[in-house]
C-alpha atoms as a PDB file:
ATOM      1  CA  MET A   1      12.624  -6.803 -18.487  1.00  0.00           C
ATOM      2  CA  ASN A   2      15.354  -4.331 -17.416  1.00  0.00           C
ATOM      3  CA  LYS A   3      17.485  -6.124 -14.968  1.00  0.00           C
ATOM      4  CA  GLU A   4      19.140  -2.902 -13.330  1.00  0.00           C
ATOM      5  CA  LEU A   5      15.437  -1.706 -12.731  1.00  0.00           C
ATOM      6  CA  ASN A   6      14.243  -5.113 -11.307  1.00  0.00           C
ATOM      7  CA  ASP A   7      17.252  -4.905  -8.560  1.00  0.00           C
ATOM      8  CA  LYS A   8      15.221  -2.227  -6.627  1.00  0.00           C
ATOM      9  CA  LEU A   9      14.295  -3.336  -3.172  1.00  0.00           C
ATOM     10  CA  ILE A  10      10.541  -2.917  -2.456  1.00  0.00           C
ATOM     11  CA  LEU A  11       8.864  -2.544   0.931  1.00  0.00           C
ATOM     12  CA  ILE A  12       5.341  -3.617   0.828  1.00  0.00           C
ATOM     13  CA  THR A  13       3.055  -3.368   4.150  1.00  0.00           C
ATOM     14  CA  GLY A  14      -0.040  -5.474   4.427  1.00  0.00           C
ATOM     15  CA  ALA A  15       1.544  -8.062   2.292  1.00  0.00           C
ATOM     16  CA  SER A  16       0.140 -11.040   3.612  1.00  0.00           C
ATOM     17  CA  SER A  17      -3.426 -10.873   2.194  1.00  0.00           C
ATOM     18  CA  GLY A  18      -5.336  -9.061  -0.535  1.00  0.00           C
ATOM     19  CA  ILE A  19      -3.443  -6.493  -2.683  1.00  0.00           C
ATOM     20  CA  GLY A  20      -0.383  -6.805  -0.790  1.00  0.00           C
ATOM     21  CA  ARG A  21      -0.167 -10.622  -1.396  1.00  0.00           C
ATOM     22  CA  GLY A  22      -1.250 -10.266  -5.205  1.00  0.00           C
ATOM     23  CA  LEU A  23       1.253  -7.560  -5.662  1.00  0.00           C
ATOM     24  CA  ALA A  24       4.179  -9.389  -4.026  1.00  0.00           C
ATOM     25  CA  LYS A  25       3.831 -12.390  -6.342  1.00  0.00           C
ATOM     26  CA  ARG A  26       3.339 -10.156  -9.410  1.00  0.00           C
ATOM     27  CA  LEU A  27       6.484  -8.163  -8.511  1.00  0.00           C
ATOM     28  CA  CYS A  28       8.489 -11.383  -7.772  1.00  0.00           C
ATOM     29  CA  ARG A  29       7.677 -12.510 -11.162  1.00  0.00           C
ATOM     30  CA  ASN A  30       9.055  -9.657 -12.415  1.00  0.00           C
ATOM     31  CA  GLY A  31      12.429  -9.848 -10.282  1.00  0.00           C
ATOM     32  CA  TYR A  32      12.242  -7.566  -7.821  1.00  0.00           C
ATOM     33  CA  ASN A  33      13.767  -7.952  -4.242  1.00  0.00           C
ATOM     34  CA  LEU A  34      11.328  -7.694  -1.804  1.00  0.00           C
ATOM     35  CA  ILE A  35      10.593  -6.768   1.985  1.00  0.00           C
ATOM     36  CA  LEU A  36       7.137  -8.027   3.173  1.00  0.00           C
ATOM     37  CA  THR A  37       5.465  -6.930   6.295  1.00  0.00           C
ATOM     38  CA  SER A  38       2.373  -7.788   7.902  1.00  0.00           C
ATOM     39  CA  ARG A  39       1.195  -8.525  11.597  1.00  0.00           C
ATOM     40  CA  SER A  40       0.973 -12.101  10.762  1.00  0.00           C
ATOM     41  CA  ASN A  41       4.514 -13.877  10.353  1.00  0.00           C
ATOM     42  CA  GLU A  42       2.560 -17.237   9.874  1.00  0.00           C
ATOM     43  CA  LYS A  43       0.700 -15.748   6.647  1.00  0.00           C
ATOM     44  CA  LEU A  44       3.833 -14.017   5.375  1.00  0.00           C
ATOM     45  CA  SER A  45       5.904 -17.562   5.789  1.00  0.00           C
ATOM     46  CA  GLN A  46       3.033 -19.223   3.804  1.00  0.00           C
ATOM     47  CA  LEU A  47       3.163 -16.664   0.851  1.00  0.00           C
ATOM     48  CA  LYS A  48       6.949 -17.156   0.736  1.00  0.00           C
ATOM     49  CA  ASP A  49       6.662 -20.934   0.751  1.00  0.00           C
ATOM     50  CA  GLU A  50       4.243 -20.335  -2.092  1.00  0.00           C
ATOM     51  CA  LEU A  51       6.945 -18.289  -4.002  1.00  0.00           C
ATOM     52  CA  SER A  52      10.037 -20.858  -3.206  1.00  0.00           C
ATOM     53  CA  ASP A  53      11.341 -20.258  -6.562  1.00  0.00           C
ATOM     54  CA  PHE A  54      11.957 -16.792  -5.293  1.00  0.00           C
ATOM     55  CA  SER A  55      12.922 -17.049  -2.078  1.00  0.00           C
ATOM     56  CA  GLU A  56      16.264 -15.483  -2.057  1.00  0.00           C
ATOM     57  CA  LYS A  57      14.887 -12.322  -3.101  1.00  0.00           C
ATOM     58  CA  ILE A  58      12.324 -12.132  -0.463  1.00  0.00           C
ATOM     59  CA  HIS A  59      12.446 -10.780   2.868  1.00  0.00           C
ATOM     60  CA  LEU A  60       9.941 -11.012   5.892  1.00  0.00           C
ATOM     61  CA  ILE A  61       9.432  -8.802   8.673  1.00  0.00           C
ATOM     62  CA  ALA A  62       6.463  -9.071  10.927  1.00  0.00           C
ATOM     63  CA  CYS A  63       5.115  -5.845  12.283  1.00  0.00           C
ATOM     64  CA  ASP A  64       2.334  -3.946  13.847  1.00  0.00           C
ATOM     65  CA  LEU A  65       1.939  -0.862  11.703  1.00  0.00           C
ATOM     66  CA  THR A  66      -0.034   0.763  14.462  1.00  0.00           C
ATOM     67  CA  ASN A  67       2.782   0.282  16.761  1.00  0.00           C
ATOM     68  CA  SER A  68       5.287   3.271  16.434  1.00  0.00           C
ATOM     69  CA  ASP A  69       8.169   0.718  17.949  1.00  0.00           C
ATOM     70  CA  ASP A  70       7.443  -1.819  15.845  1.00  0.00           C
ATOM     71  CA  ILE A  71       7.802   0.602  12.675  1.00  0.00           C
ATOM     72  CA  GLU A  72      11.173   1.674  14.023  1.00  0.00           C
ATOM     73  CA  ASN A  73      12.346  -1.658  14.398  1.00  0.00           C
ATOM     74  CA  LEU A  74      10.955  -2.421  10.684  1.00  0.00           C
ATOM     75  CA  TYR A  75      13.191   0.324   9.713  1.00  0.00           C
ATOM     76  CA  LYS A  76      16.233  -1.042  11.242  1.00  0.00           C
ATOM     77  CA  LYS A  77      15.705  -4.403   9.735  1.00  0.00           C
ATOM     78  CA  THR A  78      15.243  -3.068   6.552  1.00  0.00           C
ATOM     79  CA  VAL A  79      18.624  -0.614   6.712  1.00  0.00           C
ATOM     80  CA  ALA A  80      20.419  -4.189   7.528  1.00  0.00           C
ATOM     81  CA  ILE A  81      19.030  -5.454   4.311  1.00  0.00           C
ATOM     82  CA  GLY A  82      19.778  -2.632   2.053  1.00  0.00           C
ATOM     83  CA  PHE A  83      18.163   0.578   0.478  1.00  0.00           C
ATOM     84  CA  VAL A  84      14.660   0.567   0.199  1.00  0.00           C
ATOM     85  CA  GLU A  85      14.041   2.569  -3.313  1.00  0.00           C
ATOM     86  CA  CYS A  86      10.202   1.806  -3.188  1.00  0.00           C
ATOM     87  CA  ILE A  87       7.507   1.505  -0.379  1.00  0.00           C
ATOM     88  CA  VAL A  88       4.117   0.451  -1.368  1.00  0.00           C
ATOM     89  CA  SER A  89       1.808   1.565   1.822  1.00  0.00           C
ATOM     90  CA  ASN A  90      -0.906  -0.757   1.345  1.00  0.00           C
ATOM     91  CA  ALA A  91      -2.189  -2.024   4.983  1.00  0.00           C
ATOM     92  CA  GLY A  92      -5.580  -0.507   5.476  1.00  0.00           C
ATOM     93  CA  LEU A  93      -8.971  -1.423   7.109  1.00  0.00           C
ATOM     94  CA  GLY A  94     -12.425  -0.430   7.022  1.00  0.00           C
ATOM     95  CA  ARG A  95     -15.168  -0.244   9.877  1.00  0.00           C
ATOM     96  CA  PHE A  96     -18.603   0.893   8.742  1.00  0.00           C
ATOM     97  CA  SER A  97     -21.516   2.295  10.625  1.00  0.00           C
ATOM     98  CA  SER A  98     -23.709   5.400  11.009  1.00  0.00           C
ATOM     99  CA  ILE A  99     -22.040   8.304  12.795  1.00  0.00           C
ATOM    100  CA  ASP A 100     -24.115   8.022  15.743  1.00  0.00           C
ATOM    101  CA  LYS A 101     -22.866   4.168  16.171  1.00  0.00           C
ATOM    102  CA  MET A 102     -19.266   4.922  15.358  1.00  0.00           C
ATOM    103  CA  SER A 103     -17.248   4.164  18.606  1.00  0.00           C
ATOM    104  CA  VAL A 104     -14.234   6.293  19.201  1.00  0.00           C
ATOM    105  CA  ASP A 105     -12.151   2.895  19.012  1.00  0.00           C
ATOM    106  CA  ASP A 106     -13.489   2.314  15.551  1.00  0.00           C
ATOM    107  CA  TRP A 107     -12.416   5.598  14.386  1.00  0.00           C
ATOM    108  CA  ASP A 108      -9.243   5.611  15.908  1.00  0.00           C
ATOM    109  CA  ILE A 109      -8.176   2.300  14.531  1.00  0.00           C
ATOM    110  CA  GLN A 110      -9.137   3.284  11.069  1.00  0.00           C
ATOM    111  CA  ILE A 111      -6.959   6.690  11.260  1.00  0.00           C
ATOM    112  CA  ASN A 112      -4.113   4.793  12.861  1.00  0.00           C
ATOM    113  CA  THR A 113      -3.952   2.280  10.416  1.00  0.00           C
ATOM    114  CA  ASN A 114      -4.720   3.902   6.936  1.00  0.00           C
ATOM    115  CA  LEU A 115      -3.134   7.057   7.680  1.00  0.00           C
ATOM    116  CA  ARG A 116      -0.487   7.126  10.495  1.00  0.00           C
ATOM    117  CA  PRO A 117       1.876   4.283   9.499  1.00  0.00           C
ATOM    118  CA  SER A 118       2.336   6.096   5.937  1.00  0.00           C
ATOM    119  CA  PHE A 119       3.557   9.234   7.852  1.00  0.00           C
ATOM    120  CA  LEU A 120       5.911   7.361  10.157  1.00  0.00           C
ATOM    121  CA  LEU A 121       7.423   5.121   7.469  1.00  0.00           C
ATOM    122  CA  ALA A 122       8.053   8.351   5.024  1.00  0.00           C
ATOM    123  CA  LYS A 123       9.539   9.983   8.048  1.00  0.00           C
ATOM    124  CA  LEU A 124      11.926   7.336   8.410  1.00  0.00           C
ATOM    125  CA  PHE A 125      12.804   6.687   4.729  1.00  0.00           C
ATOM    126  CA  VAL A 126      12.586   9.607   3.188  1.00  0.00           C
ATOM    127  CA  GLY A 127      16.072  10.948   4.487  1.00  0.00           C
ATOM    128  CA  GLN A 128      18.074   8.395   2.731  1.00  0.00           C
ATOM    129  CA  MET A 129      15.961   8.508  -0.726  1.00  0.00           C
ATOM    130  CA  LYS A 130      16.517  12.436  -0.772  1.00  0.00           C
ATOM    131  CA  LYS A 131      20.144  11.677   0.093  1.00  0.00           C
ATOM    132  CA  ASN A 132      20.540   9.356  -2.938  1.00  0.00           C
ATOM    133  CA  LYS A 133      18.419  11.297  -5.472  1.00  0.00           C
ATOM    134  CA  THR A 134      16.183   8.503  -5.917  1.00  0.00           C
ATOM    135  CA  GLY A 135      12.849   6.897  -4.285  1.00  0.00           C
ATOM    136  CA  HIS A 136       9.402   6.167  -4.996  1.00  0.00           C
ATOM    137  CA  LEU A 137       6.460   6.250  -2.429  1.00  0.00           C
ATOM    138  CA  ILE A 138       3.258   4.377  -3.428  1.00  0.00           C
ATOM    139  CA  PHE A 139       0.050   4.966  -1.193  1.00  0.00           C
ATOM    140  CA  ILE A 140      -2.626   2.462  -1.840  1.00  0.00           C
ATOM    141  CA  ASN A 141      -5.596   4.889  -1.460  1.00  0.00           C
ATOM    142  CA  SER A 142      -9.518   4.168  -2.109  1.00  0.00           C
ATOM    143  CA  VAL A 143     -11.867   5.751  -4.511  1.00  0.00           C
ATOM    144  CA  ALA A 144     -13.354   6.830  -1.150  1.00  0.00           C
ATOM    145  CA  GLY A 145     -10.378   9.158  -0.865  1.00  0.00           C
ATOM    146  CA  LYS A 146     -11.502  10.988  -3.894  1.00  0.00           C
ATOM    147  CA  TYR A 147     -15.115  10.566  -3.985  1.00  0.00           C
ATOM    148  CA  GLY A 148     -16.620  10.776  -0.392  1.00  0.00           C
ATOM    149  CA  HIS A 149     -19.874  11.881  -1.247  1.00  0.00           C
ATOM    150  CA  SER A 150     -20.800   8.318  -2.719  1.00  0.00           C
ATOM    151  CA  PHE A 151     -19.957   6.442   0.580  1.00  0.00           C
ATOM    152  CA  SER A 152     -22.367   6.597   3.444  1.00  0.00           C
ATOM    153  CA  ASN A 153     -21.650   5.238   6.869  1.00  0.00           C
ATOM    154  CA  SER A 154     -17.910   5.255   6.063  1.00  0.00           C
ATOM    155  CA  THR A 155     -17.191   8.726   7.735  1.00  0.00           C
ATOM    156  CA  ALA A 156     -13.966   7.545   9.572  1.00  0.00           C
ATOM    157  CA  TYR A 157     -12.931   5.490   6.370  1.00  0.00           C
ATOM    158  CA  VAL A 158     -13.381   7.988   4.031  1.00  0.00           C
ATOM    159  CA  SER A 159     -11.608  10.655   6.440  1.00  0.00           C
ATOM    160  CA  SER A 160      -8.391   8.550   6.667  1.00  0.00           C
ATOM    161  CA  LYS A 161      -8.460   8.105   2.942  1.00  0.00           C
ATOM    162  CA  TYR A 162      -9.147  11.887   2.066  1.00  0.00           C
ATOM    163  CA  ALA A 163      -6.338  12.595   4.564  1.00  0.00           C
ATOM    164  CA  LEU A 164      -3.914  10.180   2.885  1.00  0.00           C
ATOM    165  CA  LYS A 165      -4.731  11.808  -0.250  1.00  0.00           C
ATOM    166  CA  GLY A 166      -3.800  15.386   1.167  1.00  0.00           C
ATOM    167  CA  PHE A 167      -0.562  13.428   2.574  1.00  0.00           C
ATOM    168  CA  ALA A 168       0.510  12.033  -0.711  1.00  0.00           C
ATOM    169  CA  ASP A 169      -0.246  15.601  -2.424  1.00  0.00           C
ATOM    170  CA  SER A 170       1.586  17.968  -0.118  1.00  0.00           C
ATOM    171  CA  LEU A 171       4.630  15.603   0.285  1.00  0.00           C
ATOM    172  CA  ARG A 172       5.012  14.816  -3.620  1.00  0.00           C
ATOM    173  CA  THR A 173       5.596  18.721  -3.599  1.00  0.00           C
ATOM    174  CA  GLU A 174       8.146  18.841  -1.049  1.00  0.00           C
ATOM    175  CA  LEU A 175      10.177  15.718  -2.464  1.00  0.00           C
ATOM    176  CA  ARG A 176      10.338  16.925  -6.009  1.00  0.00           C
ATOM    177  CA  ASP A 177      13.587  18.531  -5.819  1.00  0.00           C
ATOM    178  CA  TYR A 178      15.184  15.411  -4.481  1.00  0.00           C
ATOM    179  CA  SER A 179      13.749  13.239  -7.616  1.00  0.00           C
ATOM    180  CA  VAL A 180      11.643  10.982  -5.265  1.00  0.00           C
ATOM    181  CA  LYS A 181       8.620   9.968  -6.790  1.00  0.00           C
ATOM    182  CA  VAL A 182       4.873   9.888  -5.099  1.00  0.00           C
ATOM    183  CA  SER A 183       2.371   8.259  -6.537  1.00  0.00           C
ATOM    184  CA  SER A 184      -1.639   7.419  -5.301  1.00  0.00           C
ATOM    185  CA  ILE A 185      -3.685   4.487  -6.431  1.00  0.00           C
ATOM    186  CA  TYR A 186      -7.294   4.970  -5.865  1.00  0.00           C
ATOM    187  CA  PRO A 187      -9.065   1.426  -6.574  1.00  0.00           C
ATOM    188  CA  GLY A 188     -12.558   0.654  -6.609  1.00  0.00           C
ATOM    189  CA  ALA A 189     -14.303  -2.394  -5.075  1.00  0.00           C
ATOM    190  CA  ILE A 190     -11.665  -4.911  -5.329  1.00  0.00           C
ATOM    191  CA  ASP A 191     -12.619  -8.870  -4.421  1.00  0.00           C
ATOM    192  CA  THR A 192     -10.458  -9.555  -1.303  1.00  0.00           C
ATOM    193  CA  GLU A 193     -10.888 -10.400   2.260  1.00  0.00           C
ATOM    194  CA  PHE A 194     -11.457  -6.873   3.143  1.00  0.00           C
ATOM    195  CA  TRP A 195     -15.264  -7.685   2.626  1.00  0.00           C
ATOM    196  CA  ASP A 196     -15.317 -10.637   4.326  1.00  0.00           C
ATOM    197  CA  ALA A 197     -16.615  -9.256   7.586  1.00  0.00           C
ATOM    198  CA  ILE A 198     -18.669  -6.381   5.929  1.00  0.00           C
ATOM    199  CA  ASN A 199     -22.209  -7.031   5.618  1.00  0.00           C
ATOM    200  CA  VAL A 200     -22.806  -5.680   1.806  1.00  0.00           C
ATOM    201  CA  ASP A 201     -24.711  -7.186  -1.373  1.00  0.00           C
ATOM    202  CA  PHE A 202     -22.122  -6.529  -3.814  1.00  0.00           C
ATOM    203  CA  ALA A 203     -21.577  -9.104  -6.298  1.00  0.00           C
ATOM    204  CA  ARG A 204     -17.948 -10.098  -5.667  1.00  0.00           C
ATOM    205  CA  HIS A 205     -17.379 -11.994  -8.714  1.00  0.00           C
ATOM    206  CA  GLU A 206     -18.108  -8.522 -10.382  1.00  0.00           C
ATOM    207  CA  MET A 207     -15.373  -6.529  -8.419  1.00  0.00           C
ATOM    208  CA  LEU A 208     -11.924  -5.942  -9.767  1.00  0.00           C
ATOM    209  CA  SER A 209      -9.381  -8.650  -9.791  1.00  0.00           C
ATOM    210  CA  ILE A 210      -6.300  -8.251  -7.618  1.00  0.00           C
ATOM    211  CA  ASP A 211      -4.148  -9.862 -10.873  1.00  0.00           C
ATOM    212  CA  ASP A 212      -5.271  -6.547 -12.815  1.00  0.00           C
ATOM    213  CA  LEU A 213      -4.821  -4.076 -10.186  1.00  0.00           C
ATOM    214  CA  SER A 214      -1.492  -5.554  -9.491  1.00  0.00           C
ATOM    215  CA  GLU A 215      -0.315  -4.925 -13.211  1.00  0.00           C
ATOM    216  CA  THR A 216      -1.555  -1.587 -12.941  1.00  0.00           C
ATOM    217  CA  ILE A 217       0.471  -0.581  -9.847  1.00  0.00           C
ATOM    218  CA  LEU A 218       3.634  -2.698 -11.679  1.00  0.00           C
ATOM    219  CA  HIS A 219       3.088  -0.080 -14.608  1.00  0.00           C
ATOM    220  CA  VAL A 220       3.363   2.772 -11.921  1.00  0.00           C
ATOM    221  CA  ILE A 221       6.516   1.510 -10.198  1.00  0.00           C
ATOM    222  CA  GLU A 222       7.926   1.120 -13.881  1.00  0.00           C
ATOM    223  CA  ALA A 223       7.630   4.455 -14.981  1.00  0.00           C
ATOM    224  CA  PRO A 224      11.036   5.316 -16.447  1.00  0.00           C
ATOM    225  CA  ASN A 225      13.741   7.946 -15.641  1.00  0.00           C
ATOM    226  CA  SER A 226      12.452  11.053 -14.315  1.00  0.00           C
ATOM    227  CA  SER A 227       8.745  10.553 -15.287  1.00  0.00           C
ATOM    228  CA  VAL A 228       6.060   9.869 -12.509  1.00  0.00           C
ATOM    229  CA  ILE A 229       2.415   8.406 -12.874  1.00  0.00           C
ATOM    230  CA  GLU A 230       1.187  10.519  -9.721  1.00  0.00           C
ATOM    231  CA  ASP A 231      -2.548   9.608  -9.351  1.00  0.00           C
ATOM    232  CA  VAL A 232      -4.538   6.399 -10.739  1.00  0.00           C
ATOM    233  CA  VAL A 233      -7.889   5.850 -10.480  1.00  0.00           C
ATOM    234  CA  VAL A 234      -8.675   2.068 -11.121  1.00  0.00           C
ATOM    235  CA  ARG A 235     -12.462   1.161 -11.431  1.00  0.00           C
ATOM    236  CA  ARG A 236     -14.256  -1.683 -13.431  1.00  0.00           C
ATOM    237  CA  THR A 237     -15.616  -0.830 -16.383  1.00  0.00           C
ATOM    238  CA  ALA A 238     -19.115  -0.603 -15.330  1.00  0.00           C
ATOM    239  CA  GLY A 239     -18.274   1.780 -12.595  1.00  0.00           C
ATOM    240  CA  ASP A 240     -18.618   1.610  -8.847  1.00  0.00           C
ATOM    241  CA  PHE A 241     -21.534  -0.498  -7.160  1.00  0.00           C
END
């Protein structure tokens, strides 16, 4: 592996579980320096314990991404650590029901978790990326952000993901002249804790694996020099459920 590349400092949101947790493990083993954030400091500490061989390369910062002050505090703490060259905006959630039963609170929490933090993080971190003429913003989206017609009882979730796609597309154009890369990942169903509280009859063992998705994200991060992998749809070979 390229040591200079692996010296990058990468921020991962939603790092204590699911995709974020799996990606943190994969990146650690490839030598990257990481800032891991989630609401649960306890779960972050457990992850760091599991990765004790790499502990000197891991920084933990608890943060509620629905809280603007928390995000500001996250930014200040990361600046003290170093230049964050790559941000993986991974934190997200889904609450599913028919439109007539969707509460305003359920709508708001999905927009405020799946979309708003990506704007706030980009707003804070992009200035230094533009100044340094380098950086990479990676948004973990969903196939729901491309194919909304396939998802019923999912209006808030699909809306948040479509909006995230539009945000990334516009931001990519805005940042091209500064050599800042913007990538969107659109996974299908992945076997994570996301499904634990959702009443679906999908066969969990047939879903995409976190390890396979993490390998794909690593490939996106390691796109060389001035090349960028802009949009990646990752599905199981058999297609969506």
